[in-house]
Amino acid sequence: MAVAPAPAGAGDADQLFGMAPLPDADLAATTGREQNNWLNASSSNNAIVNDNHVGDNSVTGTVSLADSAFQNVSGVSMINFNTGNNSSINAAMSVNLQINYASPTP
């Protein structure tokens, strides 16, 4: 498969936009779902909350978030909020990554 060379300078628009386009056959061979091996992950969660008692003056809180609460969050995050008594939270996360290594051509 032919690959257009990288431009010499990041700001060199003449070289970047002056390159010949890739042929249709080369583009077809690099489509997003070409030769993928898929992995399927699943989970099943069950929980029971029973026979729990809370007194008459049970106060539960509220959830409040500032505008920038998640400003520096990166990657994959799972966030649960619980303000009640006798509650159960089930959570599962599946992250699928596909990394294809192509050895450099000489």
N, C-alpha and C. Protein backbone atom coordinates (compact mmCIF):
# COMPACT_ATOMS: atom_id res chain seq x y z
N MET A 1 0.84 -1.16 0.00
CA MET A 1 0.00 0.00 0.00
C MET A 1 0.89 1.23 0.00
N ALA A 2 0.60 2.18 -0.84
CA ALA A 2 1.39 3.40 -0.93
C ALA A 2 0.88 4.40 0.09
N VAL A 3 1.80 5.04 0.77
CA VAL A 3 1.45 6.05 1.76
C VAL A 3 2.13 7.34 1.37
N ALA A 4 1.38 8.42 1.38
CA ALA A 4 1.97 9.72 1.04
C ALA A 4 2.97 10.11 2.12
N PRO A 5 4.10 10.67 1.74
CA PRO A 5 5.10 11.06 2.73
C PRO A 5 4.61 12.20 3.59
N ALA A 6 5.10 12.23 4.82
CA ALA A 6 4.74 13.30 5.74
C ALA A 6 5.39 14.60 5.27
N PRO A 7 4.73 15.71 5.47
CA PRO A 7 5.32 16.98 5.06
C PRO A 7 6.55 17.30 5.88
N ALA A 8 7.50 18.01 5.28
CA ALA A 8 8.75 18.35 5.94
C ALA A 8 8.53 19.26 7.13
N GLY A 9 7.69 20.26 6.98
CA GLY A 9 7.43 21.20 8.07
C GLY A 9 5.95 21.25 8.36
N ALA A 10 5.62 21.44 9.63
CA ALA A 10 4.21 21.46 10.00
C ALA A 10 3.47 22.62 9.33
N GLY A 11 4.17 23.71 9.05
CA GLY A 11 3.52 24.86 8.45
C GLY A 11 3.70 24.95 6.95
N ASP A 12 4.22 23.94 6.33
CA ASP A 12 4.50 23.96 4.90
C ASP A 12 3.25 23.52 4.12
N ALA A 13 2.30 24.43 3.93
CA ALA A 13 1.04 24.10 3.29
C ALA A 13 1.22 23.72 1.83
N ASP A 14 2.18 24.35 1.14
CA ASP A 14 2.39 24.02 -0.28
C ASP A 14 2.77 22.56 -0.45
N GLN A 15 3.63 22.07 0.43
CA GLN A 15 4.04 20.67 0.31
C GLN A 15 2.90 19.74 0.73
N LEU A 16 2.21 20.10 1.80
CA LEU A 16 1.12 19.26 2.29
C LEU A 16 0.00 19.15 1.26
N PHE A 17 -0.46 20.27 0.74
CA PHE A 17 -1.59 20.25 -0.19
C PHE A 17 -1.17 20.02 -1.63
N GLY A 18 0.12 19.99 -1.88
CA GLY A 18 0.60 19.72 -3.22
C GLY A 18 0.86 18.25 -3.49
N MET A 19 0.67 17.39 -2.48
CA MET A 19 0.91 15.96 -2.67
C MET A 19 -0.20 15.33 -3.51
N ALA A 20 0.16 14.30 -4.23
CA ALA A 20 -0.83 13.57 -5.02
C ALA A 20 -1.73 12.77 -4.09
N PRO A 21 -3.02 12.70 -4.38
CA PRO A 21 -3.91 11.90 -3.53
C PRO A 21 -3.60 10.41 -3.65
N LEU A 22 -3.97 9.66 -2.61
CA LEU A 22 -3.80 8.22 -2.65
C LEU A 22 -4.78 7.61 -3.64
N PRO A 23 -4.38 6.58 -4.33
CA PRO A 23 -5.31 5.91 -5.25
C PRO A 23 -6.49 5.29 -4.49
N ASP A 24 -7.64 5.15 -5.16
CA ASP A 24 -8.83 4.58 -4.55
C ASP A 24 -8.58 3.19 -3.98
N ALA A 25 -7.80 2.38 -4.64
CA ALA A 25 -7.53 1.02 -4.15
C ALA A 25 -6.79 1.05 -2.82
N ASP A 26 -5.86 1.98 -2.65
CA ASP A 26 -5.13 2.10 -1.38
C ASP A 26 -6.05 2.60 -0.27
N LEU A 27 -6.92 3.54 -0.61
CA LEU A 27 -7.86 4.03 0.40
C LEU A 27 -8.84 2.94 0.81
N ALA A 28 -9.30 2.13 -0.13
CA ALA A 28 -10.24 1.05 0.18
C ALA A 28 -9.60 0.02 1.10
N ALA A 29 -8.30 -0.17 1.01
CA ALA A 29 -7.62 -1.16 1.85
C ALA A 29 -7.40 -0.66 3.27
N THR A 30 -7.64 0.61 3.53
CA THR A 30 -7.40 1.16 4.86
C THR A 30 -8.67 1.65 5.53
N THR A 31 -9.83 1.14 5.13
CA THR A 31 -11.08 1.59 5.74
C THR A 31 -11.12 1.21 7.21
N GLY A 32 -11.99 1.85 7.96
CA GLY A 32 -12.04 1.71 9.41
C GLY A 32 -12.28 0.32 9.93
N ARG A 33 -12.95 -0.53 9.22
CA ARG A 33 -13.27 -1.85 9.75
C ARG A 33 -12.59 -2.97 8.96
N GLU A 34 -11.52 -2.67 8.33
CA GLU A 34 -10.80 -3.65 7.53
C GLU A 34 -10.02 -4.60 8.43
N GLN A 35 -10.22 -5.88 8.28
CA GLN A 35 -9.46 -6.94 8.97
C GLN A 35 -9.42 -6.74 10.48
N ASN A 36 -10.57 -6.56 11.08
CA ASN A 36 -10.63 -6.39 12.53
C ASN A 36 -10.96 -7.72 13.20
N ASN A 37 -10.37 -7.94 14.34
CA ASN A 37 -10.73 -9.05 15.22
C ASN A 37 -11.45 -8.44 16.41
N TRP A 38 -12.73 -8.77 16.56
CA TRP A 38 -13.53 -8.16 17.61
C TRP A 38 -13.55 -9.02 18.86
N LEU A 39 -13.53 -8.36 20.01
CA LEU A 39 -13.63 -9.00 21.30
C LEU A 39 -14.91 -8.49 21.95
N ASN A 40 -15.73 -9.40 22.42
CA ASN A 40 -16.99 -9.02 23.05
C ASN A 40 -16.89 -9.25 24.54
N ALA A 41 -17.14 -8.23 25.33
CA ALA A 41 -17.11 -8.34 26.78
C ALA A 41 -18.50 -8.05 27.33
N SER A 42 -18.93 -8.83 28.30
CA SER A 42 -20.23 -8.57 28.92
C SER A 42 -20.14 -8.89 30.40
N SER A 43 -21.07 -8.36 31.14
CA SER A 43 -21.10 -8.62 32.58
C SER A 43 -22.55 -8.69 33.03
N SER A 44 -22.75 -9.34 34.15
CA SER A 44 -24.08 -9.46 34.74
C SER A 44 -23.95 -9.17 36.23
N ASN A 45 -24.67 -8.17 36.70
CA ASN A 45 -24.60 -7.78 38.11
C ASN A 45 -25.96 -7.99 38.77
N ASN A 46 -25.94 -8.48 39.98
CA ASN A 46 -27.16 -8.65 40.77
C ASN A 46 -26.90 -8.16 42.18
N ALA A 47 -27.88 -7.53 42.77
CA ALA A 47 -27.76 -7.07 44.15
C ALA A 47 -29.12 -7.10 44.82
N ILE A 48 -29.11 -7.36 46.12
CA ILE A 48 -30.34 -7.37 46.90
C ILE A 48 -30.09 -6.55 48.16
N VAL A 49 -31.00 -5.64 48.43
CA VAL A 49 -30.96 -4.89 49.67
C VAL A 49 -32.29 -5.16 50.37
N ASN A 50 -32.24 -5.82 51.52
CA ASN A 50 -33.47 -6.08 52.26
C ASN A 50 -33.20 -6.17 53.75
N ASP A 51 -34.25 -6.08 54.51
CA ASP A 51 -34.20 -6.15 55.98
C ASP A 51 -33.27 -5.10 56.58
N ASN A 52 -33.15 -3.96 55.95
CA ASN A 52 -32.39 -2.85 56.50
C ASN A 52 -33.37 -1.83 57.06
N HIS A 53 -33.00 -1.18 58.13
CA HIS A 53 -33.89 -0.23 58.77
C HIS A 53 -33.14 1.06 59.05
N VAL A 54 -33.83 2.16 58.85
CA VAL A 54 -33.26 3.48 59.10
C VAL A 54 -34.20 4.19 60.05
N GLY A 55 -33.64 4.93 60.99
CA GLY A 55 -34.45 5.64 61.98
C GLY A 55 -35.33 6.71 61.37
N ASP A 56 -36.20 7.26 62.20
CA ASP A 56 -37.18 8.26 61.74
C ASP A 56 -36.53 9.54 61.24
N ASN A 57 -35.37 9.89 61.75
CA ASN A 57 -34.75 11.17 61.39
C ASN A 57 -33.58 10.97 60.43
N SER A 58 -33.76 10.10 59.49
CA SER A 58 -32.70 9.84 58.53
C SER A 58 -32.70 10.91 57.46
N VAL A 59 -31.59 11.60 57.34
CA VAL A 59 -31.47 12.67 56.36
C VAL A 59 -30.49 12.21 55.28
N THR A 60 -30.90 12.32 54.07
CA THR A 60 -30.00 11.99 52.96
C THR A 60 -29.57 13.28 52.29
N GLY A 61 -28.43 13.24 51.68
CA GLY A 61 -27.87 14.45 51.09
C GLY A 61 -28.32 14.68 49.67
N THR A 62 -27.79 15.72 49.10
CA THR A 62 -28.03 16.03 47.71
C THR A 62 -26.70 15.97 46.98
N VAL A 63 -26.77 15.84 45.70
CA VAL A 63 -25.56 15.84 44.88
C VAL A 63 -25.51 17.16 44.13
N SER A 64 -24.42 17.84 44.28
CA SER A 64 -24.24 19.08 43.52
C SER A 64 -22.81 19.11 42.99
N LEU A 65 -22.68 19.55 41.78
CA LEU A 65 -21.37 19.59 41.12
C LEU A 65 -21.11 20.99 40.62
N ALA A 66 -19.87 21.40 40.74
CA ALA A 66 -19.48 22.70 40.18
C ALA A 66 -19.32 22.57 38.67
N ASP A 67 -19.32 23.71 37.99
CA ASP A 67 -19.18 23.71 36.54
C ASP A 67 -17.91 23.01 36.08
N SER A 68 -16.86 23.07 36.86
CA SER A 68 -15.58 22.50 36.45
C SER A 68 -15.26 21.20 37.18
N ALA A 69 -16.27 20.50 37.66
CA ALA A 69 -16.04 19.29 38.46
C ALA A 69 -15.26 18.23 37.70
N PHE A 70 -15.47 18.13 36.41
CA PHE A 70 -14.79 17.11 35.62
C PHE A 70 -13.80 17.73 34.63
N GLN A 71 -13.34 18.91 34.93
CA GLN A 71 -12.49 19.65 34.01
C GLN A 71 -11.20 18.90 33.66
N ASN A 72 -10.56 18.26 34.60
CA ASN A 72 -9.29 17.59 34.34
C ASN A 72 -9.40 16.08 34.26
N VAL A 73 -10.61 15.57 34.07
CA VAL A 73 -10.79 14.13 33.93
C VAL A 73 -10.29 13.71 32.56
N SER A 74 -9.54 12.63 32.55
CA SER A 74 -9.08 12.09 31.26
C SER A 74 -9.19 10.58 31.31
N GLY A 75 -9.16 9.96 30.17
CA GLY A 75 -9.27 8.51 30.12
C GLY A 75 -10.71 8.08 30.25
N VAL A 76 -10.91 6.90 30.81
CA VAL A 76 -12.24 6.33 30.97
C VAL A 76 -12.65 6.50 32.43
N SER A 77 -13.78 7.10 32.67
CA SER A 77 -14.22 7.37 34.05
C SER A 77 -15.60 6.79 34.28
N MET A 78 -15.81 6.30 35.48
CA MET A 78 -17.14 5.83 35.89
C MET A 78 -17.48 6.55 37.19
N ILE A 79 -18.62 7.20 37.22
CA ILE A 79 -18.98 8.01 38.37
C ILE A 79 -20.37 7.58 38.83
N ASN A 80 -20.50 7.30 40.12
CA ASN A 80 -21.79 6.94 40.71
C ASN A 80 -22.09 7.92 41.84
N PHE A 81 -23.34 8.33 41.92
CA PHE A 81 -23.81 9.17 43.01
C PHE A 81 -24.93 8.43 43.73
N ASN A 82 -24.88 8.43 45.04
CA ASN A 82 -25.92 7.77 45.83
C ASN A 82 -26.27 8.66 47.00
N THR A 83 -27.52 9.05 47.11
CA THR A 83 -27.93 9.89 48.22
C THR A 83 -28.95 9.20 49.13
N GLY A 84 -29.25 7.95 48.86
CA GLY A 84 -30.30 7.29 49.63
C GLY A 84 -29.75 6.29 50.64
N ASN A 85 -30.62 5.88 51.53
CA ASN A 85 -30.28 4.83 52.49
C ASN A 85 -30.70 3.48 51.93
N ASN A 86 -30.01 2.46 52.35
CA ASN A 86 -30.33 1.09 51.95
C ASN A 86 -30.31 0.94 50.44
N SER A 87 -29.30 1.46 49.82
CA SER A 87 -29.18 1.41 48.38
C SER A 87 -28.04 0.50 47.97
N SER A 88 -28.13 0.04 46.78
CA SER A 88 -27.07 -0.78 46.21
C SER A 88 -26.77 -0.26 44.81
N ILE A 89 -25.50 -0.11 44.51
CA ILE A 89 -25.10 0.36 43.18
C ILE A 89 -24.25 -0.72 42.54
N ASN A 90 -24.67 -1.17 41.40
CA ASN A 90 -23.88 -2.10 40.60
C ASN A 90 -23.28 -1.33 39.44
N ALA A 91 -22.05 -1.64 39.15
CA ALA A 91 -21.40 -0.96 38.02
C ALA A 91 -20.45 -1.93 37.35
N ALA A 92 -20.39 -1.83 36.05
CA ALA A 92 -19.43 -2.62 35.28
C ALA A 92 -18.98 -1.77 34.11
N MET A 93 -17.74 -1.93 33.76
CA MET A 93 -17.21 -1.17 32.62
C MET A 93 -16.38 -2.10 31.76
N SER A 94 -16.62 -2.04 30.47
CA SER A 94 -15.81 -2.78 29.52
C SER A 94 -15.12 -1.78 28.61
N VAL A 95 -13.83 -1.93 28.47
CA VAL A 95 -13.06 -1.06 27.59
C VAL A 95 -12.42 -1.93 26.54
N ASN A 96 -12.71 -1.65 25.30
CA ASN A 96 -12.15 -2.42 24.19
C ASN A 96 -11.13 -1.57 23.46
N LEU A 97 -9.94 -2.07 23.33
CA LEU A 97 -8.88 -1.39 22.60
C LEU A 97 -8.39 -2.28 21.48
N GLN A 98 -8.08 -1.67 20.38
CA GLN A 98 -7.46 -2.40 19.30
C GLN A 98 -6.25 -1.62 18.85
N ILE A 99 -5.09 -2.24 18.96
CA ILE A 99 -3.85 -1.59 18.57
C ILE A 99 -3.22 -2.44 17.50
N ASN A 100 -3.06 -1.86 16.34
CA ASN A 100 -2.42 -2.56 15.23
C ASN A 100 -1.03 -1.99 15.02
N TYR A 101 -0.06 -2.85 15.00
CA TYR A 101 1.30 -2.41 14.78
C TYR A 101 1.67 -2.68 13.34
N ALA A 102 2.16 -1.67 12.70
CA ALA A 102 2.65 -1.83 11.33
C ALA A 102 4.15 -1.55 11.36
N SER A 103 4.93 -2.52 11.01
CA SER A 103 6.38 -2.32 11.03
C SER A 103 6.76 -1.28 10.00
N PRO A 104 7.74 -0.46 10.34
CA PRO A 104 8.13 0.61 9.40
C PRO A 104 8.75 0.03 8.14
N THR A 105 8.48 0.68 7.04
CA THR A 105 9.07 0.23 5.77
C THR A 105 10.43 0.88 5.62
N PRO A 106 11.37 0.14 5.09
CA PRO A 106 12.74 0.70 4.97
C PRO A 106 12.83 1.80 3.94
